[in-house]
Amino acid sequence: MKLLLEFFCRFGWGMAAGLVLTPATLVPAGFFRVNLLVVLGLATGAAVIARGLPADVPANVTAGWATAGWAAALAAVVAWVGSVAWLGERVGAGRFLCVAAAVLLAAATVLATGSGPDGTGSRWLLGGAALVSGLVSGLAVHAMLLGHWYLNAPGMRVDALRRMIDLALAAWGVQTVVSLAGLALGESPPGTTAQALVVLRWLAGIVGLPILLVMARKTLDIPNTQSATGILYVACLAAILGELTSQLLQAAT
């Protein structure tokens, strides 16, 4: 359950950050409204899971989980209010609420992830790595949803999707550096199952993801937003699979 809490917080933070980075001048208000509802669902899921975590762990760890749950719950409320603001096309208020939801979910991510199983470990180091992980999966899914929105707004400029893919690639670059550092400094996971997870993590999240993102980026040069969106669907699966596998390995080692 703790891994699920971490994933919901990370994923929600990445999706909210994607909304903050999306230019409102290029993308219709309806996109922000719908995707804030996605953030609402992820934040609500994190808040519910935080209430059901086991209590047989150190008090400082459970306190961090509980605070993460409250931050996620508040982010859910902010996301709902933000969706109402975008429904009324209140761009200024809507963007402010997107930023507020992103900040709250970033805090929830650090609180849920930033300690070892016994309450020790570098909170900021682990929390920072979790934020980068959330950006990889969140921005990849955000780019796919943005590409899908071209079906609703075919006149929307391709620059918006091209920019989001570039941001997802930038997040992947930072994550690759973090993963290489972890591979160099961390323990080698014992057992063939753990080693298979390492291979899967690298094939999907480190090697496969950038290839798919670059393919989608090149497809936009045609331009063909539908084909690019189809490639981004596969990129989303690669990103989520890679980051979930990374979480499993982190918990194991």
Protein backbone atom coordinates (compact mmCIF):
# COMPACT_ATOMS: atom_id res chain seq x y z
CA MET A 1 0.00 0.00 0.00
CA LYS A 2 2.88 2.37 0.73
CA LEU A 3 4.18 1.90 -2.82
CA LEU A 4 0.72 2.72 -4.16
CA LEU A 5 0.58 5.87 -2.01
CA GLU A 6 3.96 6.96 -3.34
CA PHE A 7 2.95 6.27 -6.94
CA PHE A 8 -0.33 8.20 -6.68
CA CYS A 9 1.48 11.18 -5.14
CA ARG A 10 4.27 11.09 -7.74
CA PHE A 11 1.90 10.64 -10.67
CA GLY A 12 -0.43 13.39 -9.46
CA TRP A 13 2.49 15.77 -8.97
CA GLY A 14 3.76 15.07 -12.49
CA MET A 15 0.32 15.63 -14.03
CA ALA A 16 -0.17 18.88 -12.10
CA ALA A 17 3.31 20.07 -13.08
CA GLY A 18 2.43 19.34 -16.71
CA LEU A 19 -0.59 21.64 -16.43
CA VAL A 20 1.59 24.39 -14.96
CA LEU A 21 4.03 24.03 -17.88
CA THR A 22 1.30 24.03 -20.55
CA PRO A 23 0.80 27.46 -22.18
CA ALA A 24 -2.81 28.60 -21.78
CA THR A 25 -2.43 30.76 -24.88
CA LEU A 26 -2.03 27.66 -27.07
CA VAL A 27 -4.33 25.16 -25.34
CA PRO A 28 -8.10 25.56 -24.71
CA ALA A 29 -9.45 25.89 -21.17
CA GLY A 30 -11.31 22.60 -21.50
CA PHE A 31 -8.04 20.66 -21.49
CA PHE A 32 -7.03 22.17 -18.15
CA ARG A 33 -10.47 21.50 -16.68
CA VAL A 34 -10.54 17.82 -17.66
CA ASN A 35 -6.98 17.11 -16.58
CA LEU A 36 -7.45 18.80 -13.23
CA LEU A 37 -10.18 16.22 -12.67
CA VAL A 38 -7.56 13.53 -13.36
CA VAL A 39 -5.33 15.19 -10.74
CA LEU A 40 -8.35 15.24 -8.42
CA GLY A 41 -8.76 11.48 -8.80
CA LEU A 42 -5.08 10.74 -8.14
CA ALA A 43 -4.95 13.05 -5.11
CA THR A 44 -8.14 11.55 -3.69
CA GLY A 45 -6.73 8.04 -4.15
CA ALA A 46 -3.55 9.03 -2.30
CA ALA A 47 -5.53 10.57 0.56
CA VAL A 48 -7.69 7.45 0.96
CA ILE A 49 -4.70 5.10 0.85
CA ALA A 50 -2.82 7.18 3.44
CA ARG A 51 -5.61 6.55 5.96
CA GLY A 52 -5.34 2.77 5.55
CA LEU A 53 -1.59 2.31 5.96
CA PRO A 54 -0.41 0.05 8.82
CA ALA A 55 0.41 1.61 12.16
CA ASP A 56 3.12 -0.90 13.22
CA VAL A 57 5.95 1.38 12.05
CA PRO A 58 7.87 4.18 13.80
CA ALA A 59 5.77 7.18 14.78
CA ASN A 60 7.78 9.63 12.67
CA VAL A 61 7.13 7.53 9.56
CA THR A 62 3.37 7.25 10.14
CA ALA A 63 3.29 10.99 10.85
CA GLY A 64 4.89 11.62 7.45
CA TRP A 65 2.35 9.36 5.76
CA ALA A 66 -0.55 11.03 7.55
CA THR A 67 0.70 14.51 6.60
CA ALA A 68 1.13 13.34 3.00
CA GLY A 69 -2.48 12.17 3.05
CA TRP A 70 -3.71 15.56 4.29
CA ALA A 71 -1.62 17.37 1.65
CA ALA A 72 -3.09 15.11 -1.04
CA ALA A 73 -6.62 15.71 0.27
CA LEU A 74 -6.09 19.46 0.14
CA ALA A 75 -4.68 19.11 -3.38
CA ALA A 76 -7.86 17.27 -4.38
CA VAL A 77 -9.99 20.18 -3.15
CA VAL A 78 -7.77 22.69 -4.94
CA ALA A 79 -7.96 20.64 -8.16
CA TRP A 80 -11.75 20.57 -8.00
CA VAL A 81 -11.95 24.34 -7.45
CA GLY A 82 -9.45 24.79 -10.29
CA SER A 83 -11.61 22.73 -12.66
CA VAL A 84 -14.54 25.02 -11.85
CA ALA A 85 -12.36 28.06 -12.54
CA TRP A 86 -11.33 26.67 -15.93
CA LEU A 87 -14.97 25.83 -16.69
CA GLY A 88 -15.68 29.55 -16.33
CA GLU A 89 -12.49 30.29 -18.33
CA ARG A 90 -10.93 32.17 -15.42
CA VAL A 91 -7.41 31.75 -16.75
CA GLY A 92 -5.57 33.62 -13.98
CA ALA A 93 -7.32 31.83 -11.14
CA GLY A 94 -7.09 28.52 -12.97
CA ARG A 95 -3.34 28.75 -13.44
CA PHE A 96 -2.83 29.77 -9.81
CA LEU A 97 -4.82 26.74 -8.64
CA CYS A 98 -2.80 24.47 -10.94
CA VAL A 99 0.37 25.74 -9.27
CA ALA A 100 -1.16 25.25 -5.81
CA ALA A 101 -2.16 21.66 -6.62
CA ALA A 102 1.33 20.93 -7.96
CA VAL A 103 3.00 22.34 -4.82
CA LEU A 104 0.73 20.35 -2.51
CA LEU A 105 1.30 17.10 -4.37
CA ALA A 106 5.06 17.75 -4.48
CA ALA A 107 4.98 18.11 -0.69
CA ALA A 108 2.88 14.94 -0.40
CA THR A 109 5.42 13.09 -2.57
CA VAL A 110 8.37 14.11 -0.40
CA LEU A 111 6.49 13.29 2.81
CA ALA A 112 5.39 9.87 1.55
CA THR A 113 8.75 8.90 0.06
CA GLY A 114 11.43 10.87 1.83
CA SER A 115 12.45 8.40 4.52
CA GLY A 116 13.64 4.85 4.74
CA PRO A 117 11.45 2.02 6.05
CA ASP A 118 12.81 2.59 9.54
CA GLY A 119 12.42 6.37 9.38
CA THR A 120 16.04 6.99 8.43
CA GLY A 121 17.68 8.00 5.19
CA SER A 122 18.17 11.26 3.39
CA ARG A 123 14.68 12.77 3.16
CA TRP A 124 15.62 15.38 0.58
CA LEU A 125 17.65 12.97 -1.55
CA LEU A 126 14.92 10.33 -1.71
CA GLY A 127 12.18 12.93 -2.02
CA GLY A 128 13.99 14.71 -4.86
CA ALA A 129 14.41 11.43 -6.73
CA ALA A 130 10.69 10.75 -6.25
CA LEU A 131 9.80 14.16 -7.70
CA VAL A 132 11.91 13.46 -10.78
CA SER A 133 10.24 10.05 -11.13
CA GLY A 134 6.82 11.69 -10.97
CA LEU A 135 7.77 14.14 -13.69
CA VAL A 136 8.80 11.32 -16.04
CA SER A 137 5.52 9.42 -15.79
CA GLY A 138 3.32 12.50 -15.33
CA LEU A 139 4.71 14.47 -18.29
CA ALA A 140 4.60 11.43 -20.58
CA VAL A 141 0.92 10.83 -19.80
CA HIS A 142 0.23 14.56 -19.97
CA ALA A 143 1.76 14.71 -23.47
CA MET A 144 -0.39 11.77 -24.57
CA LEU A 145 -3.57 13.42 -23.26
CA LEU A 146 -2.58 16.67 -24.94
CA GLY A 147 -2.13 14.84 -28.24
CA HIS A 148 -5.55 13.25 -27.79
CA TRP A 149 -7.04 16.72 -27.31
CA TYR A 150 -6.26 17.57 -30.93
CA LEU A 151 -9.32 15.47 -31.78
CA ASN A 152 -11.43 18.01 -29.87
CA ALA A 153 -9.51 21.07 -31.08
CA PRO A 154 -7.98 20.22 -34.48
CA GLY A 155 -6.98 23.84 -35.02
CA MET A 156 -4.69 23.86 -31.96
CA ARG A 157 -1.06 24.60 -32.75
CA VAL A 158 1.34 21.64 -32.81
CA ASP A 159 3.88 23.70 -30.86
CA ALA A 160 2.10 22.89 -27.59
CA LEU A 161 2.52 19.12 -28.01
CA ARG A 162 6.07 19.48 -29.31
CA ARG A 163 6.98 21.51 -26.22
CA MET A 164 5.46 18.94 -23.87
CA ILE A 165 7.40 16.09 -25.49
CA ASP A 166 10.59 18.13 -25.10
CA LEU A 167 9.84 18.58 -21.40
CA ALA A 168 9.22 14.85 -20.99
CA LEU A 169 12.59 14.19 -22.64
CA ALA A 170 14.25 16.67 -20.27
CA ALA A 171 12.70 14.88 -17.28
CA TRP A 172 13.93 11.57 -18.68
CA GLY A 173 17.45 13.02 -18.97
CA VAL A 174 17.49 14.01 -15.30
CA GLN A 175 16.06 10.63 -14.32
CA THR A 176 18.78 8.85 -16.28
CA VAL A 177 21.46 10.73 -14.33
CA VAL A 178 19.72 9.84 -11.06
CA SER A 179 19.44 6.17 -12.10
CA LEU A 180 23.10 5.99 -13.09
CA ALA A 181 24.09 7.48 -9.73
CA GLY A 182 21.89 4.98 -7.92
CA LEU A 183 23.35 2.13 -9.94
CA ALA A 184 26.88 3.24 -9.08
CA LEU A 185 26.30 3.95 -5.38
CA GLY A 186 23.54 1.51 -4.45
CA GLU A 187 23.61 -2.15 -3.57
CA SER A 188 23.22 -4.78 -6.26
CA PRO A 189 19.81 -6.43 -5.69
CA PRO A 190 20.16 -10.15 -4.91
CA GLY A 191 18.29 -12.88 -6.77
CA THR A 192 17.36 -13.44 -10.38
CA THR A 193 13.92 -11.82 -9.94
CA ALA A 194 15.43 -8.55 -8.74
CA GLN A 195 17.99 -8.60 -11.54
CA ALA A 196 15.20 -9.18 -14.07
CA LEU A 197 13.41 -6.13 -12.62
CA VAL A 198 16.58 -4.08 -13.13
CA VAL A 199 16.70 -5.13 -16.78
CA LEU A 200 13.00 -4.35 -17.21
CA ARG A 201 13.39 -0.96 -15.54
CA TRP A 202 16.23 0.02 -17.85
CA LEU A 203 14.72 -1.37 -21.04
CA ALA A 204 11.34 0.29 -20.48
CA GLY A 205 12.07 3.50 -18.58
CA ILE A 206 15.62 4.42 -19.60
CA VAL A 207 16.20 2.97 -23.08
CA GLY A 208 12.72 2.52 -24.54
CA LEU A 209 11.07 5.73 -23.35
CA PRO A 210 13.34 8.26 -25.11
CA ILE A 211 13.15 6.30 -28.38
CA LEU A 212 9.35 6.49 -28.29
CA LEU A 213 9.35 10.17 -27.35
CA VAL A 214 11.75 11.05 -30.18
CA MET A 215 9.62 9.02 -32.61
CA ALA A 216 6.54 10.99 -31.54
CA ARG A 217 8.50 14.24 -31.86
CA LYS A 218 9.61 13.37 -35.39
CA THR A 219 6.06 12.39 -36.34
CA LEU A 220 4.93 15.92 -35.48
CA ASP A 221 7.24 17.24 -38.19
CA ILE A 222 4.94 15.71 -40.85
CA PRO A 223 2.71 16.85 -39.01
CA ASN A 224 0.51 13.95 -37.89
CA THR A 225 -0.85 14.41 -34.37
CA GLN A 226 -2.89 11.19 -34.40
CA SER A 227 0.12 8.99 -35.15
CA ALA A 228 2.20 10.90 -32.60
CA THR A 229 -0.51 10.34 -29.98
CA GLY A 230 -0.53 6.60 -30.75
CA ILE A 231 3.22 6.46 -30.16
CA LEU A 232 2.77 8.44 -26.94
CA TYR A 233 0.31 5.80 -25.69
CA VAL A 234 3.14 3.26 -25.82
CA ALA A 235 5.53 5.81 -24.27
CA CYS A 236 3.13 6.18 -21.33
CA LEU A 237 3.20 2.43 -20.72
CA ALA A 238 7.01 2.43 -20.87
CA ALA A 239 7.26 5.37 -18.45
CA ILE A 240 4.80 3.95 -15.91
CA LEU A 241 6.29 0.46 -16.11
CA GLY A 242 9.79 1.82 -15.67
CA GLU A 243 8.93 4.01 -12.69
CA LEU A 244 6.86 1.34 -10.92
CA THR A 245 9.70 -1.13 -11.36
CA SER A 246 12.08 1.46 -9.95
CA GLN A 247 9.85 1.81 -6.87
CA LEU A 248 9.85 -1.95 -6.35
CA LEU A 249 13.65 -2.07 -6.59
CA GLN A 250 14.02 0.85 -4.19
CA ALA A 251 11.80 -0.92 -1.65
CA ALA A 252 13.79 -4.14 -2.05
CA THR A 253 17.22 -2.57 -1.57
